[in-house]
Amino acid sequence: MQKTLSEEKYKEVRSYFAKLTRAIVPKALVIAVISGIYLFHISFGSFPENYDFSSFQILLSLKAILGLWLGFRGILQVFFGIQPFVFKGHRLPFILVILIIFLSQIMYSI
């Protein structure tokens, strides 16, 4: 995009996307975390003694932990201005989102 637009137009488009992201992301983070916690509770509930997890539940719990970490990290950043102490860049969260997508595909095939 930067190669095809003039410098002035590029800054204008970039600021538009930044404003749009700031308006949408906070609400989406809260909804994602709350619905994730609810779905985690519904999927697992209470466990009797000597209960073995199915492979689906193991993958679901891994996805839930990754998703909750991403959601709480985002909520802390957006609403409270708390920057993460570790992994300050966007590379790790992006990799975790890709990993969650792959885990979803594996769960679909089980």
PDB file of N, CA and C in Angstrom:
ATOM      1  N   MET A   1       0.830  -1.178   0.000  1.00  0.00           N
ATOM      2  CA  MET A   1       0.000   0.000   0.000  1.00  0.00           C
ATOM      3  C   MET A   1       0.879   1.247   0.000  1.00  0.00           C
ATOM      4  N   GLN A   2       1.988   1.188   0.707  1.00  0.00           N
ATOM      5  CA  GLN A   2       2.851   2.353   0.802  1.00  0.00           C
ATOM      6  C   GLN A   2       3.504   2.670  -0.549  1.00  0.00           C
ATOM      7  N   LYS A   3       3.711   1.654  -1.370  1.00  0.00           N
ATOM      8  CA  LYS A   3       4.356   1.857  -2.670  1.00  0.00           C
ATOM      9  C   LYS A   3       3.399   2.461  -3.692  1.00  0.00           C
ATOM     10  N   THR A   4       2.102   2.177  -3.559  1.00  0.00           N
ATOM     11  CA  THR A   4       1.145   2.635  -4.567  1.00  0.00           C
ATOM     12  C   THR A   4       0.508   3.978  -4.228  1.00  0.00           C
ATOM     13  N   LEU A   5       0.529   4.382  -2.973  1.00  0.00           N
ATOM     14  CA  LEU A   5      -0.092   5.646  -2.566  1.00  0.00           C
ATOM     15  C   LEU A   5       0.967   6.713  -2.317  1.00  0.00           C
ATOM     16  N   SER A   6       0.553   7.940  -2.453  1.00  0.00           N
ATOM     17  CA  SER A   6       1.454   9.028  -2.096  1.00  0.00           C
ATOM     18  C   SER A   6       1.637   9.044  -0.585  1.00  0.00           C
ATOM     19  N   GLU A   7       2.669   9.734  -0.138  1.00  0.00           N
ATOM     20  CA  GLU A   7       2.961   9.777   1.301  1.00  0.00           C
ATOM     21  C   GLU A   7       1.795  10.369   2.098  1.00  0.00           C
ATOM     22  N   GLU A   8       1.194  11.403   1.576  1.00  0.00           N
ATOM     23  CA  GLU A   8       0.077  12.059   2.258  1.00  0.00           C
ATOM     24  C   GLU A   8      -1.149  11.140   2.315  1.00  0.00           C
ATOM     25  N   LYS A   9      -1.464  10.508   1.203  1.00  0.00           N
ATOM     26  CA  LYS A   9      -2.616   9.603   1.145  1.00  0.00           C
ATOM     27  C   LYS A   9      -2.377   8.371   2.028  1.00  0.00           C
ATOM     28  N   TYR A  10      -1.142   7.892   2.049  1.00  0.00           N
ATOM     29  CA  TYR A  10      -0.797   6.740   2.886  1.00  0.00           C
ATOM     30  C   TYR A  10      -1.033   7.060   4.362  1.00  0.00           C
ATOM     31  N   LYS A  11      -0.602   8.241   4.818  1.00  0.00           N
ATOM     32  CA  LYS A  11      -0.814   8.633   6.214  1.00  0.00           C
ATOM     33  C   LYS A  11      -2.295   8.755   6.536  1.00  0.00           C
ATOM     34  N   GLU A  12      -3.077   9.247   5.580  1.00  0.00           N
ATOM     35  CA  GLU A  12      -4.520   9.388   5.778  1.00  0.00           C
ATOM     36  C   GLU A  12      -5.195   8.020   5.920  1.00  0.00           C
ATOM     37  N   VAL A  13      -4.844   7.093   5.046  1.00  0.00           N
ATOM     38  CA  VAL A  13      -5.435   5.747   5.083  1.00  0.00           C
ATOM     39  C   VAL A  13      -5.002   5.026   6.359  1.00  0.00           C
ATOM     40  N   ARG A  14      -3.748   5.171   6.716  1.00  0.00           N
ATOM     41  CA  ARG A  14      -3.235   4.516   7.919  1.00  0.00           C
ATOM     42  C   ARG A  14      -3.939   5.043   9.171  1.00  0.00           C
ATOM     43  N   SER A  15      -4.166   6.345   9.241  1.00  0.00           N
ATOM     44  CA  SER A  15      -4.863   6.902  10.407  1.00  0.00           C
ATOM     45  C   SER A  15      -6.321   6.448  10.442  1.00  0.00           C
ATOM     46  N   TYR A  16      -6.943   6.279   9.280  1.00  0.00           N
ATOM     47  CA  TYR A  16      -8.313   5.773   9.235  1.00  0.00           C
ATOM     48  C   TYR A  16      -8.387   4.369   9.822  1.00  0.00           C
ATOM     49  N   PHE A  17      -7.473   3.493   9.412  1.00  0.00           N
ATOM     50  CA  PHE A  17      -7.468   2.128   9.937  1.00  0.00           C
ATOM     51  C   PHE A  17      -7.147   2.107  11.430  1.00  0.00           C
ATOM     52  N   ALA A  18      -6.291   2.990  11.887  1.00  0.00           N
ATOM     53  CA  ALA A  18      -5.971   3.051  13.319  1.00  0.00           C
ATOM     54  C   ALA A  18      -7.197   3.451  14.126  1.00  0.00           C
ATOM     55  N   LYS A  19      -7.952   4.429  13.648  1.00  0.00           N
ATOM     56  CA  LYS A  19      -9.175   4.855  14.352  1.00  0.00           C
ATOM     57  C   LYS A  19     -10.217   3.740  14.361  1.00  0.00           C
ATOM     58  N   LEU A  20     -10.368   3.063  13.237  1.00  0.00           N
ATOM     59  CA  LEU A  20     -11.320   1.960  13.146  1.00  0.00           C
ATOM     60  C   LEU A  20     -10.941   0.832  14.097  1.00  0.00           C
ATOM     61  N   THR A  21      -9.663   0.508  14.152  1.00  0.00           N
ATOM     62  CA  THR A  21      -9.196  -0.550  15.034  1.00  0.00           C
ATOM     63  C   THR A  21      -9.409  -0.180  16.497  1.00  0.00           C
ATOM     64  N   ARG A  22      -9.125   1.057  16.855  1.00  0.00           N
ATOM     65  CA  ARG A  22      -9.320   1.490  18.242  1.00  0.00           C
ATOM     66  C   ARG A  22     -10.791   1.484  18.646  1.00  0.00           C
ATOM     67  N   ALA A  23     -11.675   1.617  17.686  1.00  0.00           N
ATOM     68  CA  ALA A  23     -13.105   1.605  17.998  1.00  0.00           C
ATOM     69  C   ALA A  23     -13.652   0.187  18.140  1.00  0.00           C
ATOM     70  N   ILE A  24     -13.119  -0.743  17.375  1.00  0.00           N
ATOM     71  CA  ILE A  24     -13.687  -2.098  17.331  1.00  0.00           C
ATOM     72  C   ILE A  24     -12.999  -3.068  18.286  1.00  0.00           C
ATOM     73  N   VAL A  25     -11.693  -3.038  18.363  1.00  0.00           N
ATOM     74  CA  VAL A  25     -10.934  -4.051  19.089  1.00  0.00           C
ATOM     75  C   VAL A  25     -11.284  -4.135  20.575  1.00  0.00           C
ATOM     76  N   PRO A  26     -11.399  -3.043  21.314  1.00  0.00           N
ATOM     77  CA  PRO A  26     -11.692  -3.193  22.748  1.00  0.00           C
ATOM     78  C   PRO A  26     -12.982  -3.951  23.041  1.00  0.00           C
ATOM     79  N   LYS A  27     -14.028  -3.649  22.305  1.00  0.00           N
ATOM     80  CA  LYS A  27     -15.294  -4.348  22.530  1.00  0.00           C
ATOM     81  C   LYS A  27     -15.177  -5.822  22.153  1.00  0.00           C
ATOM     82  N   ALA A  28     -14.465  -6.099  21.074  1.00  0.00           N
ATOM     83  CA  ALA A  28     -14.287  -7.478  20.637  1.00  0.00           C
ATOM     84  C   ALA A  28     -13.458  -8.273  21.638  1.00  0.00           C
ATOM     85  N   LEU A  29     -12.462  -7.654  22.246  1.00  0.00           N
ATOM     86  CA  LEU A  29     -11.643  -8.340  23.243  1.00  0.00           C
ATOM     87  C   LEU A  29     -12.471  -8.742  24.458  1.00  0.00           C
ATOM     88  N   VAL A  30     -13.287  -7.845  24.932  1.00  0.00           N
ATOM     89  CA  VAL A  30     -14.110  -8.146  26.102  1.00  0.00           C
ATOM     90  C   VAL A  30     -15.094  -9.273  25.784  1.00  0.00           C
ATOM     91  N   ILE A  31     -15.730  -9.201  24.648  1.00  0.00           N
ATOM     92  CA  ILE A  31     -16.677 -10.249  24.252  1.00  0.00           C
ATOM     93  C   ILE A  31     -15.966 -11.583  24.083  1.00  0.00           C
ATOM     94  N   ALA A  32     -14.781 -11.566  23.483  1.00  0.00           N
ATOM     95  CA  ALA A  32     -14.035 -12.812  23.277  1.00  0.00           C
ATOM     96  C   ALA A  32     -13.623 -13.449  24.595  1.00  0.00           C
ATOM     97  N   VAL A  33     -13.160 -12.666  25.530  1.00  0.00           N
ATOM     98  CA  VAL A  33     -12.720 -13.224  26.807  1.00  0.00           C
ATOM     99  C   VAL A  33     -13.906 -13.753  27.604  1.00  0.00           C
ATOM    100  N   ILE A  34     -14.972 -12.989  27.678  1.00  0.00           N
ATOM    101  CA  ILE A  34     -16.143 -13.433  28.445  1.00  0.00           C
ATOM    102  C   ILE A  34     -16.761 -14.679  27.829  1.00  0.00           C
ATOM    103  N   SER A  35     -16.915 -14.690  26.506  1.00  0.00           N
ATOM    104  CA  SER A  35     -17.495 -15.877  25.871  1.00  0.00           C
ATOM    105  C   SER A  35     -16.551 -17.070  25.961  1.00  0.00           C
ATOM    106  N   GLY A  36     -15.244 -16.829  25.940  1.00  0.00           N
ATOM    107  CA  GLY A  36     -14.284 -17.924  26.093  1.00  0.00           C
ATOM    108  C   GLY A  36     -14.351 -18.556  27.464  1.00  0.00           C
ATOM    109  N   ILE A  37     -14.470 -17.722  28.481  1.00  0.00           N
ATOM    110  CA  ILE A  37     -14.586 -18.251  29.843  1.00  0.00           C
ATOM    111  C   ILE A  37     -15.890 -19.039  29.990  1.00  0.00           C
ATOM    112  N   TYR A  38     -16.963 -18.522  29.443  1.00  0.00           N
ATOM    113  CA  TYR A  38     -18.258 -19.211  29.513  1.00  0.00           C
ATOM    114  C   TYR A  38     -18.199 -20.555  28.766  1.00  0.00           C
ATOM    115  N   LEU A  39     -17.646 -20.544  27.562  1.00  0.00           N
ATOM    116  CA  LEU A  39     -17.563 -21.783  26.786  1.00  0.00           C
ATOM    117  C   LEU A  39     -16.635 -22.797  27.445  1.00  0.00           C
ATOM    118  N   PHE A  40     -15.575 -22.334  28.064  1.00  0.00           N
ATOM    119  CA  PHE A  40     -14.675 -23.232  28.781  1.00  0.00           C
ATOM    120  C   PHE A  40     -15.420 -23.911  29.922  1.00  0.00           C
ATOM    121  N   HIS A  41     -16.221 -23.143  30.648  1.00  0.00           N
ATOM    122  CA  HIS A  41     -17.005 -23.704  31.746  1.00  0.00           C
ATOM    123  C   HIS A  41     -18.046 -24.700  31.225  1.00  0.00           C
ATOM    124  N   ILE A  42     -18.714 -24.370  30.135  1.00  0.00           N
ATOM    125  CA  ILE A  42     -19.730 -25.260  29.564  1.00  0.00           C
ATOM    126  C   ILE A  42     -19.093 -26.542  29.036  1.00  0.00           C
ATOM    127  N   SER A  43     -17.946 -26.430  28.406  1.00  0.00           N
ATOM    128  CA  SER A  43     -17.304 -27.600  27.797  1.00  0.00           C
ATOM    129  C   SER A  43     -16.760 -28.565  28.830  1.00  0.00           C
ATOM    130  N   PHE A  44     -16.275 -28.060  29.960  1.00  0.00           N
ATOM    131  CA  PHE A  44     -15.637 -28.930  30.934  1.00  0.00           C
ATOM    132  C   PHE A  44     -16.503 -29.189  32.152  1.00  0.00           C
ATOM    133  N   GLY A  45     -17.143 -28.177  32.689  1.00  0.00           N
ATOM    134  CA  GLY A  45     -17.984 -28.383  33.864  1.00  0.00           C
ATOM    135  C   GLY A  45     -17.189 -28.921  35.030  1.00  0.00           C
ATOM    136  N   SER A  46     -17.788 -29.844  35.786  1.00  0.00           N
ATOM    137  CA  SER A  46     -17.070 -30.469  36.901  1.00  0.00           C
ATOM    138  C   SER A  46     -16.652 -31.879  36.489  1.00  0.00           C
ATOM    139  N   PHE A  47     -15.550 -32.334  37.056  1.00  0.00           N
ATOM    140  CA  PHE A  47     -14.993 -33.636  36.685  1.00  0.00           C
ATOM    141  C   PHE A  47     -15.138 -34.629  37.823  1.00  0.00           C
ATOM    142  N   PRO A  48     -15.603 -35.825  37.502  1.00  0.00           N
ATOM    143  CA  PRO A  48     -15.593 -36.875  38.528  1.00  0.00           C
ATOM    144  C   PRO A  48     -14.164 -37.382  38.737  1.00  0.00           C
ATOM    145  N   GLU A  49     -13.956 -38.166  39.764  1.00  0.00           N
ATOM    146  CA  GLU A  49     -12.619 -38.720  40.015  1.00  0.00           C
ATOM    147  C   GLU A  49     -12.210 -39.639  38.875  1.00  0.00           C
ATOM    148  N   ASN A  50     -10.907 -39.719  38.638  1.00  0.00           N
ATOM    149  CA  ASN A  50     -10.308 -40.579  37.608  1.00  0.00           C
ATOM    150  C   ASN A  50     -10.886 -40.298  36.223  1.00  0.00           C
ATOM    151  N   TYR A  51     -11.080 -39.043  35.928  1.00  0.00           N
ATOM    152  CA  TYR A  51     -11.619 -38.646  34.624  1.00  0.00           C
ATOM    153  C   TYR A  51     -10.466 -38.426  33.658  1.00  0.00           C
ATOM    154  N   ASP A  52     -10.556 -39.029  32.489  1.00  0.00           N
ATOM    155  CA  ASP A  52      -9.535 -38.837  31.465  1.00  0.00           C
ATOM    156  C   ASP A  52     -10.051 -37.870  30.414  1.00  0.00           C
ATOM    157  N   PHE A  53      -9.210 -36.919  30.032  1.00  0.00           N
ATOM    158  CA  PHE A  53      -9.579 -35.969  28.986  1.00  0.00           C
ATOM    159  C   PHE A  53      -9.540 -36.653  27.632  1.00  0.00           C
ATOM    160  N   SER A  54     -10.499 -36.322  26.786  1.00  0.00           N
ATOM    161  CA  SER A  54     -10.438 -36.796  25.404  1.00  0.00           C
ATOM    162  C   SER A  54      -9.453 -35.904  24.656  1.00  0.00           C
ATOM    163  N   SER A  55      -9.029 -36.333  23.483  1.00  0.00           N
ATOM    164  CA  SER A  55      -8.086 -35.517  22.703  1.00  0.00           C
ATOM    165  C   SER A  55      -8.733 -34.195  22.307  1.00  0.00           C
ATOM    166  N   PHE A  56     -10.042 -34.213  22.074  1.00  0.00           N
ATOM    167  CA  PHE A  56     -10.757 -32.981  21.758  1.00  0.00           C
ATOM    168  C   PHE A  56     -10.687 -32.001  22.920  1.00  0.00           C
ATOM    169  N   GLN A  57     -10.881 -32.486  24.141  1.00  0.00           N
ATOM    170  CA  GLN A  57     -10.837 -31.616  25.315  1.00  0.00           C
ATOM    171  C   GLN A  57      -9.433 -31.098  25.583  1.00  0.00           C
ATOM    172  N   ILE A  58      -8.432 -31.888  25.286  1.00  0.00           N
ATOM    173  CA  ILE A  58      -7.052 -31.429  25.458  1.00  0.00           C
ATOM    174  C   ILE A  58      -6.763 -30.279  24.499  1.00  0.00           C
ATOM    175  N   LEU A  59      -7.153 -30.438  23.239  1.00  0.00           N
ATOM    176  CA  LEU A  59      -6.947 -29.371  22.266  1.00  0.00           C
ATOM    177  C   LEU A  59      -7.782 -28.140  22.612  1.00  0.00           C
ATOM    178  N   LEU A  60      -8.997 -28.361  23.078  1.00  0.00           N
ATOM    179  CA  LEU A  60      -9.848 -27.251  23.470  1.00  0.00           C
ATOM    180  C   LEU A  60      -9.254 -26.474  24.645  1.00  0.00           C
ATOM    181  N   SER A  61      -8.709 -27.183  25.614  1.00  0.00           N
ATOM    182  CA  SER A  61      -8.103 -26.495  26.752  1.00  0.00           C
ATOM    183  C   SER A  61      -6.856 -25.730  26.333  1.00  0.00           C
ATOM    184  N   LEU A  62      -6.073 -26.260  25.410  1.00  0.00           N
ATOM    185  CA  LEU A  62      -4.908 -25.545  24.901  1.00  0.00           C
ATOM    186  C   LEU A  62      -5.327 -24.270  24.174  1.00  0.00           C
ATOM    187  N   LYS A  63      -6.363 -24.392  23.346  1.00  0.00           N
ATOM    188  CA  LYS A  63      -6.891 -23.209  22.652  1.00  0.00           C
ATOM    189  C   LYS A  63      -7.431 -22.188  23.645  1.00  0.00           C
ATOM    190  N   ALA A  64      -8.104 -22.656  24.680  1.00  0.00           N
ATOM    191  CA  ALA A  64      -8.681 -21.748  25.673  1.00  0.00           C
ATOM    192  C   ALA A  64      -7.592 -20.991  26.423  1.00  0.00           C
ATOM    193  N   ILE A  65      -6.537 -21.672  26.790  1.00  0.00           N
ATOM    194  CA  ILE A  65      -5.449 -21.016  27.517  1.00  0.00           C
ATOM    195  C   ILE A  65      -4.776 -19.973  26.637  1.00  0.00           C
ATOM    196  N   LEU A  66      -4.498 -20.322  25.383  1.00  0.00           N
ATOM    197  CA  LEU A  66      -3.882 -19.361  24.468  1.00  0.00           C
ATOM    198  C   LEU A  66      -4.805 -18.171  24.213  1.00  0.00           C
ATOM    199  N   GLY A  67      -6.079 -18.449  24.015  1.00  0.00           N
ATOM    200  CA  GLY A  67      -7.039 -17.380  23.763  1.00  0.00           C
ATOM    201  C   GLY A  67      -7.224 -16.466  24.963  1.00  0.00           C
ATOM    202  N   LEU A  68      -7.299 -17.055  26.155  1.00  0.00           N
ATOM    203  CA  LEU A  68      -7.438 -16.231  27.360  1.00  0.00           C
ATOM    204  C   LEU A  68      -6.209 -15.353  27.575  1.00  0.00           C
ATOM    205  N   TRP A  69      -5.030 -15.914  27.318  1.00  0.00           N
ATOM    206  CA  TRP A  69      -3.822 -15.115  27.465  1.00  0.00           C
ATOM    207  C   TRP A  69      -3.832 -13.935  26.492  1.00  0.00           C
ATOM    208  N   LEU A  70      -4.187 -14.207  25.258  1.00  0.00           N
ATOM    209  CA  LEU A  70      -4.249 -13.131  24.262  1.00  0.00           C
ATOM    210  C   LEU A  70      -5.305 -12.093  24.642  1.00  0.00           C
ATOM    211  N   GLY A  71      -6.455 -12.563  25.094  1.00  0.00           N
ATOM    212  CA  GLY A  71      -7.528 -11.650  25.458  1.00  0.00           C
ATOM    213  C   GLY A  71      -7.193 -10.787  26.654  1.00  0.00           C
ATOM    214  N   PHE A  72      -6.650 -11.401  27.707  1.00  0.00           N
ATOM    215  CA  PHE A  72      -6.288 -10.627  28.889  1.00  0.00           C
ATOM    216  C   PHE A  72      -5.161  -9.650  28.579  1.00  0.00           C
ATOM    217  N   ARG A  73      -4.219 -10.078  27.750  1.00  0.00           N
ATOM    218  CA  ARG A  73      -3.127  -9.188  27.342  1.00  0.00           C
ATOM    219  C   ARG A  73      -3.695  -7.975  26.605  1.00  0.00           C
ATOM    220  N   GLY A  74      -4.635  -8.226  25.713  1.00  0.00           N
ATOM    221  CA  GLY A  74      -5.247  -7.135  24.963  1.00  0.00           C
ATOM    222  C   GLY A  74      -6.067  -6.209  25.836  1.00  0.00           C
ATOM    223  N   ILE A  75      -6.830  -6.776  26.757  1.00  0.00           N
ATOM    224  CA  ILE A  75      -7.650  -5.955  27.657  1.00  0.00           C
ATOM    225  C   ILE A  75      -6.763  -5.081  28.545  1.00  0.00           C
ATOM    226  N   LEU A  76      -5.687  -5.660  29.060  1.00  0.00           N
ATOM    227  CA  LEU A  76      -4.776  -4.876  29.891  1.00  0.00           C
ATOM    228  C   LEU A  76      -4.149  -3.735  29.098  1.00  0.00           C
ATOM    229  N   GLN A  77      -3.814  -3.990  27.841  1.00  0.00           N
ATOM    230  CA  GLN A  77      -3.212  -2.951  27.014  1.00  0.00           C
ATOM    231  C   GLN A  77      -4.216  -1.859  26.657  1.00  0.00           C
ATOM    232  N   VAL A  78      -5.397  -2.268  26.194  1.00  0.00           N
ATOM    233  CA  VAL A  78      -6.345  -1.303  25.656  1.00  0.00           C
ATOM    234  C   VAL A  78      -7.030  -0.493  26.753  1.00  0.00           C
ATOM    235  N   PHE A  79      -7.528  -1.163  27.769  1.00  0.00           N
ATOM    236  CA  PHE A  79      -8.329  -0.469  28.768  1.00  0.00           C
ATOM    237  C   PHE A  79      -7.508   0.136  29.909  1.00  0.00           C
ATOM    238  N   PHE A  80      -6.411  -0.505  30.277  1.00  0.00           N
ATOM    239  CA  PHE A  80      -5.653  -0.042  31.434  1.00  0.00           C
ATOM    240  C   PHE A  80      -4.300   0.538  31.069  1.00  0.00           C
ATOM    241  N   GLY A  81      -3.921   0.456  29.810  1.00  0.00           N
ATOM    242  CA  GLY A  81      -2.645   1.010  29.372  1.00  0.00           C
ATOM    243  C   GLY A  81      -1.436   0.280  29.904  1.00  0.00           C
ATOM    244  N   ILE A  82      -1.628  -0.958  30.350  1.00  0.00           N
ATOM    245  CA  ILE A  82      -0.523  -1.749  30.889  1.00  0.00           C
ATOM    246  C   ILE A  82       0.142  -2.475  29.724  1.00  0.00           C
ATOM    247  N   GLN A  83       1.378  -2.138  29.487  1.00  0.00           N
ATOM    248  CA  GLN A  83       2.120  -2.797  28.418  1.00  0.00           C
ATOM    249  C   GLN A  83       2.683  -4.112  28.945  1.00  0.00           C
ATOM    250  N   PRO A  84       2.732  -5.144  28.096  1.00  0.00           N
ATOM    251  CA  PRO A  84       3.262  -6.427  28.568  1.00  0.00           C
ATOM    252  C   PRO A  84       4.739  -6.304  28.928  1.00  0.00           C
ATOM    253  N   PHE A  85       5.144  -7.009  29.954  1.00  0.00           N
ATOM    254  CA  PHE A  85       6.530  -6.974  30.394  1.00  0.00           C
ATOM    255  C   PHE A  85       7.423  -7.773  29.445  1.00  0.00           C
ATOM    256  N   VAL A  86       6.869  -8.818  28.904  1.00  0.00           N
ATOM    257  CA  VAL A  86       7.602  -9.690  27.990  1.00  0.00           C
ATOM    258  C   VAL A  86       6.827  -9.730  26.686  1.00  0.00           C
ATOM    259  N   PHE A  87       7.472  -9.976  25.588  1.00  0.00           N
ATOM    260  CA  PHE A  87       6.854 -10.096  24.268  1.00  0.00           C
ATOM    261  C   PHE A  87       6.136  -8.799  23.896  1.00  0.00           C
ATOM    262  N   LYS A  88       6.864  -7.716  23.841  1.00  0.00           N
ATOM    263  CA  LYS A  88       6.261  -6.416  23.563  1.00  0.00           C
ATOM    264  C   LYS A  88       5.844  -6.255  22.115  1.00  0.00           C
ATOM    265  N   GLY A  89       6.399  -7.056  21.220  1.00  0.00           N
ATOM    266  CA  GLY A  89       6.051  -6.933  19.811  1.00  0.00           C
ATOM    267  C   GLY A  89       4.753  -7.643  19.489  1.00  0.00           C
ATOM    268  N   HIS A  90       4.408  -7.626  18.213  1.00  0.00           N
ATOM    269  CA  HIS A  90       3.167  -8.255  17.755  1.00  0.00           C
ATOM    270  C   HIS A  90       3.402  -9.624  17.128  1.00  0.00           C
ATOM    271  N   ARG A  91       4.639 -10.046  17.066  1.00  0.00           N
ATOM    272  CA  ARG A  91       4.941 -11.317  16.405  1.00  0.00           C
ATOM    273  C   ARG A  91       4.380 -12.515  17.175  1.00  0.00           C
ATOM    274  N   LEU A  92       4.602 -12.579  18.483  1.00  0.00           N
ATOM    275  CA  LEU A  92       4.115 -13.721  19.269  1.00  0.00           C
ATOM    276  C   LEU A  92       2.589 -13.807  19.275  1.00  0.00           C
ATOM    277  N   PRO A  93       1.853 -12.714  19.533  1.00  0.00           N
ATOM    278  CA  PRO A  93       0.392 -12.837  19.461  1.00  0.00           C
ATOM    279  C   PRO A  93      -0.102 -13.286  18.088  1.00  0.00           C
ATOM    280  N   PHE A  94       0.548 -12.821  17.034  1.00  0.00           N
ATOM    281  CA  PHE A  94       0.152 -13.255  15.693  1.00  0.00           C
ATOM    282  C   PHE A  94       0.403 -14.746  15.519  1.00  0.00           C
ATOM    283  N   ILE A  95       1.538 -15.221  15.979  1.00  0.00           N
ATOM    284  CA  ILE A  95       1.848 -16.660  15.887  1.00  0.00           C
ATOM    285  C   ILE A  95       0.844 -17.467  16.700  1.00  0.00           C
ATOM    286  N   LEU A  96       0.447 -16.955  17.872  1.00  0.00           N
ATOM    287  CA  LEU A  96      -0.528 -17.679  18.695  1.00  0.00           C
ATOM    288  C   LEU A  96      -1.893 -17.736  18.020  1.00  0.00           C
ATOM    289  N   VAL A  97      -2.278 -16.678  17.333  1.00  0.00           N
ATOM    290  CA  VAL A  97      -3.547 -16.702  16.596  1.00  0.00           C
ATOM    291  C   VAL A  97      -3.487 -17.748  15.491  1.00  0.00           C
ATOM    292  N   ILE A  98      -2.389 -17.808  14.772  1.00  0.00           N
ATOM    293  CA  ILE A  98      -2.222 -18.822  13.726  1.00  0.00           C
ATOM    294  C   ILE A  98      -2.256 -20.220  14.346  1.00  0.00           C
ATOM    295  N   LEU A  99      -1.610 -20.397  15.501  1.00  0.00           N
ATOM    296  CA  LEU A  99      -1.627 -21.690  16.188  1.00  0.00           C
ATOM    297  C   LEU A  99      -3.045 -22.073  16.605  1.00  0.00           C
ATOM    298  N   ILE A 100      -3.825 -21.111  17.085  1.00  0.00           N
ATOM    299  CA  ILE A 100      -5.215 -21.382  17.457  1.00  0.00           C
ATOM    300  C   ILE A 100      -6.017 -21.817  16.237  1.00  0.00           C
ATOM    301  N   ILE A 101      -5.768 -21.197  15.097  1.00  0.00           N
ATOM    302  CA  ILE A 101      -6.467 -21.592  13.864  1.00  0.00           C
ATOM    303  C   ILE A 101      -6.098 -23.017  13.478  1.00  0.00           C
ATOM    304  N   PHE A 102      -4.816 -23.365  13.565  1.00  0.00           N
ATOM    305  CA  PHE A 102      -4.406 -24.734  13.249  1.00  0.00           C
ATOM    306  C   PHE A 102      -5.007 -25.734  14.228  1.00  0.00           C
ATOM    307  N   LEU A 103      -5.060 -25.372  15.522  1.00  0.00           N
ATOM    308  CA  LEU A 103      -5.672 -26.266  16.493  1.00  0.00           C
ATOM    309  C   LEU A 103      -7.165 -26.467  16.179  1.00  0.00           C
ATOM    310  N   SER A 104      -7.820 -25.422  15.706  1.00  0.00           N
ATOM    311  CA  SER A 104      -9.229 -25.547  15.315  1.00  0.00           C
ATOM    312  C   SER A 104      -9.392 -26.524  14.156  1.00  0.00           C
ATOM    313  N   GLN A 105      -8.477 -26.469  13.218  1.00  0.00           N
ATOM    314  CA  GLN A 105      -8.557 -27.392  12.087  1.00  0.00           C
ATOM    315  C   GLN A 105      -8.315 -28.836  12.534  1.00  0.00           C
ATOM    316  N   ILE A 106      -7.387 -29.010  13.456  1.00  0.00           N
ATOM    317  CA  ILE A 106      -7.137 -30.360  13.983  1.00  0.00           C
ATOM    318  C   ILE A 106      -8.354 -30.854  14.741  1.00  0.00           C
ATOM    319  N   MET A 107      -8.965 -29.985  15.538  1.00  0.00           N
ATOM    320  CA  MET A 107     -10.160 -30.377  16.284  1.00  0.00           C
ATOM    321  C   MET A 107     -11.306 -30.739  15.352  1.00  0.00           C
ATOM    322  N   TYR A 108     -11.403 -30.045  14.242  1.00  0.00           N
ATOM    323  CA  TYR A 108     -12.472 -30.347  13.267  1.00  0.00           C
ATOM    324  C   TYR A 108     -12.280 -31.744  12.673  1.00  0.00           C
ATOM    325  N   SER A 109     -11.036 -32.151  12.503  1.00  0.00           N
ATOM    326  CA  SER A 109     -10.781 -33.460  11.889  1.00  0.00           C
ATOM    327  C   SER A 109     -10.898 -34.619  12.873  1.00  0.00           C
ATOM    328  N   ILE A 110     -10.948 -34.312  14.177  1.00  0.00           N
ATOM    329  CA  ILE A 110     -11.062 -35.390  15.182  1.00  0.00           C
ATOM    330  C   ILE A 110     -12.471 -35.907  15.236  1.00  0.00           C
TER     331      ILE A 110
END
